[in-house]
All heavy atoms as atom14 arrays in JSON, in Angstrom:
{
  "sequence": "SGVPNETISIMSENEENLSAFYAYLPNKNKYL",
  "atom14_mask": [
    [1, 1, 1, 1, 1, 1, 0, 0, 0, 0, 0, 0, 0, 0],
    [1, 1, 1, 1, 0, 0, 0, 0, 0, 0, 0, 0, 0, 0],
    [1, 1, 1, 1, 1, 1, 1, 0, 0, 0, 0, 0, 0, 0],
    [1, 1, 1, 1, 1, 1, 1, 0, 0, 0, 0, 0, 0, 0],
    [1, 1, 1, 1, 1, 1, 1, 1, 0, 0, 0, 0, 0, 0],
    [1, 1, 1, 1, 1, 1, 1, 1, 1, 0, 0, 0, 0, 0],
    [1, 1, 1, 1, 1, 1, 1, 0, 0, 0, 0, 0, 0, 0],
    [1, 1, 1, 1, 1, 1, 1, 1, 0, 0, 0, 0, 0, 0],
    [1, 1, 1, 1, 1, 1, 0, 0, 0, 0, 0, 0, 0, 0],
    [1, 1, 1, 1, 1, 1, 1, 1, 0, 0, 0, 0, 0, 0],
    [1, 1, 1, 1, 1, 1, 1, 1, 0, 0, 0, 0, 0, 0],
    [1, 1, 1, 1, 1, 1, 0, 0, 0, 0, 0, 0, 0, 0],
    [1, 1, 1, 1, 1, 1, 1, 1, 1, 0, 0, 0, 0, 0],
    [1, 1, 1, 1, 1, 1, 1, 1, 0, 0, 0, 0, 0, 0],
    [1, 1, 1, 1, 1, 1, 1, 1, 1, 0, 0, 0, 0, 0],
    [1, 1, 1, 1, 1, 1, 1, 1, 1, 0, 0, 0, 0, 0],
    [1, 1, 1, 1, 1, 1, 1, 1, 0, 0, 0, 0, 0, 0],
    [1, 1, 1, 1, 1, 1, 1, 1, 0, 0, 0, 0, 0, 0],
    [1, 1, 1, 1, 1, 1, 0, 0, 0, 0, 0, 0, 0, 0],
    [1, 1, 1, 1, 1, 0, 0, 0, 0, 0, 0, 0, 0, 0],
    [1, 1, 1, 1, 1, 1, 1, 1, 1, 1, 1, 0, 0, 0],
    [1, 1, 1, 1, 1, 1, 1, 1, 1, 1, 1, 1, 0, 0],
    [1, 1, 1, 1, 1, 0, 0, 0, 0, 0, 0, 0, 0, 0],
    [1, 1, 1, 1, 1, 1, 1, 1, 1, 1, 1, 1, 0, 0],
    [1, 1, 1, 1, 1, 1, 1, 1, 0, 0, 0, 0, 0, 0],
    [1, 1, 1, 1, 1, 1, 1, 0, 0, 0, 0, 0, 0, 0],
    [1, 1, 1, 1, 1, 1, 1, 1, 0, 0, 0, 0, 0, 0],
    [1, 1, 1, 1, 1, 1, 1, 1, 1, 0, 0, 0, 0, 0],
    [1, 1, 1, 1, 1, 1, 1, 1, 0, 0, 0, 0, 0, 0],
    [1, 1, 1, 1, 1, 1, 1, 1, 1, 0, 0, 0, 0, 0],
    [1, 1, 1, 1, 1, 1, 1, 1, 1, 1, 1, 1, 0, 0],
    [1, 1, 1, 1, 1, 1, 1, 1, 0, 0, 0, 0, 0, 0]
  ],
  "atom14_positions": [
    [[-5.65, 7.27, -17.05], [-4.72, 7.23, -18.13], [-5.15, 7.86, -19.3], [-4.35, 8.29, -20.23], [-4.36, 5.79, -18.46], [-5.55, 5.09, -18.95], [0.0, 0.0, 0.0], [0.0, 0.0, 0.0], [0.0, 0.0, 0.0], [0.0, 0.0, 0.0], [0.0, 0.0, 0.0], [0.0, 0.0, 0.0], [0.0, 0.0, 0.0], [0.0, 0.0, 0.0]],
    [[-6.51, 8.14, -19.4], [-7.04, 8.87, -20.53], [-7.15, 7.99, -21.8], [-7.41, 8.62, -22.92], [0.0, 0.0, 0.0], [0.0, 0.0, 0.0], [0.0, 0.0, 0.0], [0.0, 0.0, 0.0], [0.0, 0.0, 0.0], [0.0, 0.0, 0.0], [0.0, 0.0, 0.0], [0.0, 0.0, 0.0], [0.0, 0.0, 0.0], [0.0, 0.0, 0.0]],
    [[-7.14, 6.7, -21.69], [-7.28, 5.87, -22.86], [-8.7, 5.45, -23.06], [-9.48, 5.43, -22.13], [-6.33, 4.58, -22.76], [-4.92, 5.03, -22.65], [-6.71, 3.75, -21.58], [0.0, 0.0, 0.0], [0.0, 0.0, 0.0], [0.0, 0.0, 0.0], [0.0, 0.0, 0.0], [0.0, 0.0, 0.0], [0.0, 0.0, 0.0], [0.0, 0.0, 0.0]],
    [[-9.15, 5.12, -24.22], [-10.46, 4.64, -24.47], [-10.71, 3.31, -23.68], [-9.8, 2.51, -23.5], [-10.49, 4.31, -25.99], [-9.52, 5.13, -26.5], [-8.34, 5.24, -25.55], [0.0, 0.0, 0.0], [0.0, 0.0, 0.0], [0.0, 0.0, 0.0], [0.0, 0.0, 0.0], [0.0, 0.0, 0.0], [0.0, 0.0, 0.0], [0.0, 0.0, 0.0]],
    [[-11.96, 3.14, -23.27], [-12.36, 1.99, -22.47], [-11.96, 0.61, -23.17], [-11.55, -0.3, -22.49], [-13.9, 2.03, -22.26], [-14.37, 1.02, -21.29], [-13.71, 0.74, -20.26], [-15.46, 0.29, -21.64], [0.0, 0.0, 0.0], [0.0, 0.0, 0.0], [0.0, 0.0, 0.0], [0.0, 0.0, 0.0], [0.0, 0.0, 0.0], [0.0, 0.0, 0.0]],
    [[-12.11, 0.55, -24.44], [-11.9, -0.68, -25.11], [-10.4, -1.17, -25.17], [-10.01, -2.19, -25.54], [-12.44, -0.68, -26.59], [-11.87, 0.28, -27.48], [-12.52, 1.71, -27.48], [-13.43, 1.9, -26.59], [-12.13, 2.52, -28.21], [0.0, 0.0, 0.0], [0.0, 0.0, 0.0], [0.0, 0.0, 0.0], [0.0, 0.0, 0.0], [0.0, 0.0, 0.0]],
    [[-9.51, -0.16, -24.81], [-8.06, -0.55, -24.92], [-7.59, -1.2, -23.61], [-6.51, -1.66, -23.55], [-7.21, 0.74, -25.08], [-7.4, 1.69, -24.1], [-7.57, 1.42, -26.46], [0.0, 0.0, 0.0], [0.0, 0.0, 0.0], [0.0, 0.0, 0.0], [0.0, 0.0, 0.0], [0.0, 0.0, 0.0], [0.0, 0.0, 0.0], [0.0, 0.0, 0.0]],
    [[-8.36, -1.19, -22.53], [-8.06, -1.86, -21.3], [-8.67, -3.24, -21.31], [-9.92, -3.23, -21.04], [-8.26, -1.06, -20.04], [-7.61, 0.41, -20.04], [-7.98, -1.8, -18.79], [-6.1, 0.32, -19.73], [0.0, 0.0, 0.0], [0.0, 0.0, 0.0], [0.0, 0.0, 0.0], [0.0, 0.0, 0.0], [0.0, 0.0, 0.0], [0.0, 0.0, 0.0]],
    [[-7.99, -4.28, -21.53], [-8.67, -5.66, -21.53], [-8.44, -6.32, -20.15], [-7.35, -6.14, -19.51], [-7.87, -6.47, -22.61], [-8.11, -5.92, -23.79], [0.0, 0.0, 0.0], [0.0, 0.0, 0.0], [0.0, 0.0, 0.0], [0.0, 0.0, 0.0], [0.0, 0.0, 0.0], [0.0, 0.0, 0.0], [0.0, 0.0, 0.0], [0.0, 0.0, 0.0]],
    [[-9.54, -7.02, -19.78], [-9.5, -7.78, -18.56], [-8.86, -9.21, -18.89], [-9.4, -9.88, -19.67], [-10.88, -8.02, -17.94], [-11.6, -6.69, -17.64], [-10.75, -8.94, -16.78], [-13.04, -6.79, -17.32], [0.0, 0.0, 0.0], [0.0, 0.0, 0.0], [0.0, 0.0, 0.0], [0.0, 0.0, 0.0], [0.0, 0.0, 0.0], [0.0, 0.0, 0.0]],
    [[-7.63, -9.44, -18.37], [-7.02, -10.69, -18.63], [-7.47, -11.7, -17.48], [-7.67, -12.86, -17.86], [-5.51, -10.55, -18.61], [-4.98, -9.44, -19.59], [-5.69, -9.7, -21.24], [-4.58, -11.05, -21.78], [0.0, 0.0, 0.0], [0.0, 0.0, 0.0], [0.0, 0.0, 0.0], [0.0, 0.0, 0.0], [0.0, 0.0, 0.0], [0.0, 0.0, 0.0]],
    [[-7.56, -11.23, -16.3], [-8.05, -12.08, -15.18], [-8.46, -11.22, -14.03], [-7.95, -10.15, -13.79], [-6.99, -13.1, -14.7], [-5.93, -12.47, -14.05], [0.0, 0.0, 0.0], [0.0, 0.0, 0.0], [0.0, 0.0, 0.0], [0.0, 0.0, 0.0], [0.0, 0.0, 0.0], [0.0, 0.0, 0.0], [0.0, 0.0, 0.0], [0.0, 0.0, 0.0]],
    [[-9.52, -11.69, -13.22], [-9.95, -11.09, -12.1], [-10.33, -12.12, -11.13], [-11.04, -13.03, -11.41], [-11.15, -10.18, -12.23], [-10.94, -8.96, -13.07], [-12.19, -8.14, -13.45], [-13.26, -8.76, -13.57], [-12.01, -6.93, -13.67], [0.0, 0.0, 0.0], [0.0, 0.0, 0.0], [0.0, 0.0, 0.0], [0.0, 0.0, 0.0], [0.0, 0.0, 0.0]],
    [[-9.72, -12.23, -9.93], [-9.84, -13.31, -8.94], [-10.37, -12.77, -7.65], [-9.5, -12.16, -6.92], [-8.56, -14.02, -8.86], [-8.72, -15.35, -8.06], [-9.28, -15.3, -7.01], [-8.1, -16.31, -8.51], [0.0, 0.0, 0.0], [0.0, 0.0, 0.0], [0.0, 0.0, 0.0], [0.0, 0.0, 0.0], [0.0, 0.0, 0.0], [0.0, 0.0, 0.0]],
    [[-11.58, -12.91, -7.31], [-12.11, -12.35, -5.99], [-11.39, -13.13, -4.8], [-11.24, -12.41, -3.78], [-13.65, -12.59, -6.03], [-14.39, -11.51, -6.89], [-15.78, -11.38, -6.53], [-16.1, -11.48, -5.4], [-16.5, -11.2, -7.55], [0.0, 0.0, 0.0], [0.0, 0.0, 0.0], [0.0, 0.0, 0.0], [0.0, 0.0, 0.0], [0.0, 0.0, 0.0]],
    [[-11.24, -14.34, -5.02], [-10.67, -15.1, -3.84], [-9.3, -14.61, -3.44], [-8.98, -14.46, -2.31], [-10.51, -16.6, -4.23], [-10.32, -17.5, -3.1], [-10.39, -19.01, -3.56], [-11.51, -19.42, -3.97], [-9.33, -19.7, -3.33], [0.0, 0.0, 0.0], [0.0, 0.0, 0.0], [0.0, 0.0, 0.0], [0.0, 0.0, 0.0], [0.0, 0.0, 0.0]],
    [[-8.49, -14.31, -4.42], [-7.13, -13.81, -4.22], [-6.96, -12.34, -4.1], [-5.92, -11.8, -3.95], [-6.15, -14.29, -5.25], [-6.02, -15.75, -5.25], [-6.11, -16.4, -4.19], [-5.66, -16.38, -6.42], [0.0, 0.0, 0.0], [0.0, 0.0, 0.0], [0.0, 0.0, 0.0], [0.0, 0.0, 0.0], [0.0, 0.0, 0.0], [0.0, 0.0, 0.0]],
    [[-8.1, -11.61, -4.39], [-8.14, -10.19, -4.49], [-7.1, -9.64, -5.43], [-6.25, -8.81, -5.1], [-7.83, -9.5, -3.15], [-8.96, -9.88, -2.01], [-8.6, -9.25, -0.67], [-10.34, -9.43, -2.39], [0.0, 0.0, 0.0], [0.0, 0.0, 0.0], [0.0, 0.0, 0.0], [0.0, 0.0, 0.0], [0.0, 0.0, 0.0], [0.0, 0.0, 0.0]],
    [[-7.13, -10.21, -6.6], [-6.1, -9.79, -7.62], [-6.67, -9.8, -9.0], [-7.75, -10.4, -9.37], [-4.95, -10.74, -7.58], [-5.35, -12.1, -8.01], [0.0, 0.0, 0.0], [0.0, 0.0, 0.0], [0.0, 0.0, 0.0], [0.0, 0.0, 0.0], [0.0, 0.0, 0.0], [0.0, 0.0, 0.0], [0.0, 0.0, 0.0], [0.0, 0.0, 0.0]],
    [[-6.07, -8.87, -9.82], [-6.58, -8.88, -11.26], [-5.32, -8.52, -12.14], [-4.4, -8.01, -11.64], [-7.61, -7.71, -11.33], [0.0, 0.0, 0.0], [0.0, 0.0, 0.0], [0.0, 0.0, 0.0], [0.0, 0.0, 0.0], [0.0, 0.0, 0.0], [0.0, 0.0, 0.0], [0.0, 0.0, 0.0], [0.0, 0.0, 0.0], [0.0, 0.0, 0.0]],
    [[-5.56, -8.77, -13.43], [-4.48, -8.46, -14.35], [-5.11, -7.88, -15.61], [-6.12, -8.53, -16.22], [-3.66, -9.76, -14.75], [-2.45, -9.38, -15.64], [-1.33, -9.02, -15.11], [-2.48, -9.59, -16.99], [-0.23, -8.65, -15.8], [-1.46, -9.21, -17.78], [-0.25, -8.78, -17.17], [0.0, 0.0, 0.0], [0.0, 0.0, 0.0], [0.0, 0.0, 0.0]],
    [[-4.78, -6.71, -15.95], [-5.41, -5.95, -17.07], [-4.23, -5.72, -18.06], [-3.08, -5.69, -17.72], [-5.93, -4.72, -16.6], [-6.94, -4.82, -15.58], [-6.65, -4.56, -14.18], [-8.28, -5.09, -15.91], [-7.65, -4.73, -13.25], [-9.25, -5.24, -14.82], [-8.89, -5.05, -13.64], [-9.86, -5.21, -12.62], [0.0, 0.0, 0.0], [0.0, 0.0, 0.0]],
    [[-4.59, -5.57, -19.34], [-3.63, -5.12, -20.38], [-4.09, -4.05, -21.1], [-5.3, -3.84, -21.49], [-3.46, -6.35, -21.29], [0.0, 0.0, 0.0], [0.0, 0.0, 0.0], [0.0, 0.0, 0.0], [0.0, 0.0, 0.0], [0.0, 0.0, 0.0], [0.0, 0.0, 0.0], [0.0, 0.0, 0.0], [0.0, 0.0, 0.0], [0.0, 0.0, 0.0]],
    [[-3.21, -2.97, -21.25], [-3.41, -1.88, -22.17], [-2.87, -2.25, -23.55], [-1.74, -2.59, -23.72], [-2.74, -0.51, -21.71], [-2.67, 0.39, -22.73], [-3.94, 1.01, -23.13], [-1.56, 0.87, -23.42], [-3.91, 1.99, -24.25], [-1.53, 1.79, -24.39], [-2.71, 2.4, -24.8], [-2.74, 3.29, -25.78], [0.0, 0.0, 0.0], [0.0, 0.0, 0.0]],
    [[-3.85, -2.36, -24.58], [-3.48, -2.83, -25.91], [-3.72, -1.64, -26.78], [-4.81, -1.35, -27.3], [-4.33, -4.0, -26.26], [-4.32, -5.17, -25.22], [-5.42, -6.19, -25.6], [-2.84, -5.75, -25.19], [0.0, 0.0, 0.0], [0.0, 0.0, 0.0], [0.0, 0.0, 0.0], [0.0, 0.0, 0.0], [0.0, 0.0, 0.0], [0.0, 0.0, 0.0]],
    [[-2.67, -0.86, -27.22], [-2.82, 0.26, -28.09], [-3.42, -0.15, -29.45], [-4.17, 0.76, -29.88], [-1.42, 0.8, -28.25], [-0.43, -0.26, -27.75], [-1.31, -1.22, -26.83], [0.0, 0.0, 0.0], [0.0, 0.0, 0.0], [0.0, 0.0, 0.0], [0.0, 0.0, 0.0], [0.0, 0.0, 0.0], [0.0, 0.0, 0.0], [0.0, 0.0, 0.0]],
    [[-3.36, -1.27, -29.91], [-3.84, -1.66, -31.18], [-5.45, -1.67, -31.2], [-6.1, -1.68, -32.19], [-3.37, -2.89, -31.85], [-3.71, -4.12, -30.94], [-3.55, -3.96, -29.66], [-3.92, -5.23, -31.52], [0.0, 0.0, 0.0], [0.0, 0.0, 0.0], [0.0, 0.0, 0.0], [0.0, 0.0, 0.0], [0.0, 0.0, 0.0], [0.0, 0.0, 0.0]],
    [[-6.13, -1.62, -29.96], [-7.46, -1.62, -29.83], [-8.0, -0.15, -29.92], [-9.23, -0.02, -30.05], [-7.99, -2.26, -28.49], [-7.85, -3.74, -28.59], [-8.6, -4.35, -27.35], [-8.67, -5.83, -27.59], [-9.63, -6.43, -26.54], [0.0, 0.0, 0.0], [0.0, 0.0, 0.0], [0.0, 0.0, 0.0], [0.0, 0.0, 0.0], [0.0, 0.0, 0.0]],
    [[-7.1, 0.82, -29.91], [-7.46, 2.25, -30.15], [-7.46, 2.49, -31.68], [-6.37, 2.79, -32.11], [-6.61, 3.11, -29.35], [-6.94, 4.59, -29.46], [-7.65, 4.96, -30.41], [-6.52, 5.24, -28.55], [0.0, 0.0, 0.0], [0.0, 0.0, 0.0], [0.0, 0.0, 0.0], [0.0, 0.0, 0.0], [0.0, 0.0, 0.0], [0.0, 0.0, 0.0]],
    [[-8.55, 2.27, -32.31], [-8.57, 2.49, -33.72], [-7.99, 3.76, -34.23], [-7.19, 3.81, -35.23], [-9.99, 2.32, -34.3], [-10.11, 2.35, -35.76], [-11.53, 2.09, -36.18], [-11.86, 2.26, -37.68], [-10.79, 2.4, -38.53], [0.0, 0.0, 0.0], [0.0, 0.0, 0.0], [0.0, 0.0, 0.0], [0.0, 0.0, 0.0], [0.0, 0.0, 0.0]],
    [[-8.31, 4.85, -33.7], [-7.81, 6.15, -34.08], [-6.28, 6.31, -33.95], [-5.61, 6.68, -34.88], [-8.53, 7.3, -33.43], [-10.02, 7.23, -33.68], [-10.92, 6.73, -32.78], [-10.52, 7.48, -34.97], [-12.3, 6.69, -33.0], [-11.94, 7.44, -35.24], [-12.73, 7.01, -34.34], [-14.07, 6.78, -34.57], [0.0, 0.0, 0.0], [0.0, 0.0, 0.0]],
    [[-5.85, 5.96, -32.74], [-4.33, 6.13, -32.46], [-3.64, 5.1, -33.37], [-2.59, 5.48, -33.99], [-4.08, 5.75, -30.97], [-2.61, 5.68, -30.57], [-1.98, 7.08, -30.74], [-2.55, 5.1, -29.19], [0.0, 0.0, 0.0], [0.0, 0.0, 0.0], [0.0, 0.0, 0.0], [0.0, 0.0, 0.0], [0.0, 0.0, 0.0], [0.0, 0.0, 0.0]]
  ]
}
């Protein structure tokens, strides 16, 4: 996506269910 690392937040990661939920939060990109 070309976004800074800090803008992709881990909301959940579940090894048992092999699932994850991430959020792209533009307000964490200070410059943008």
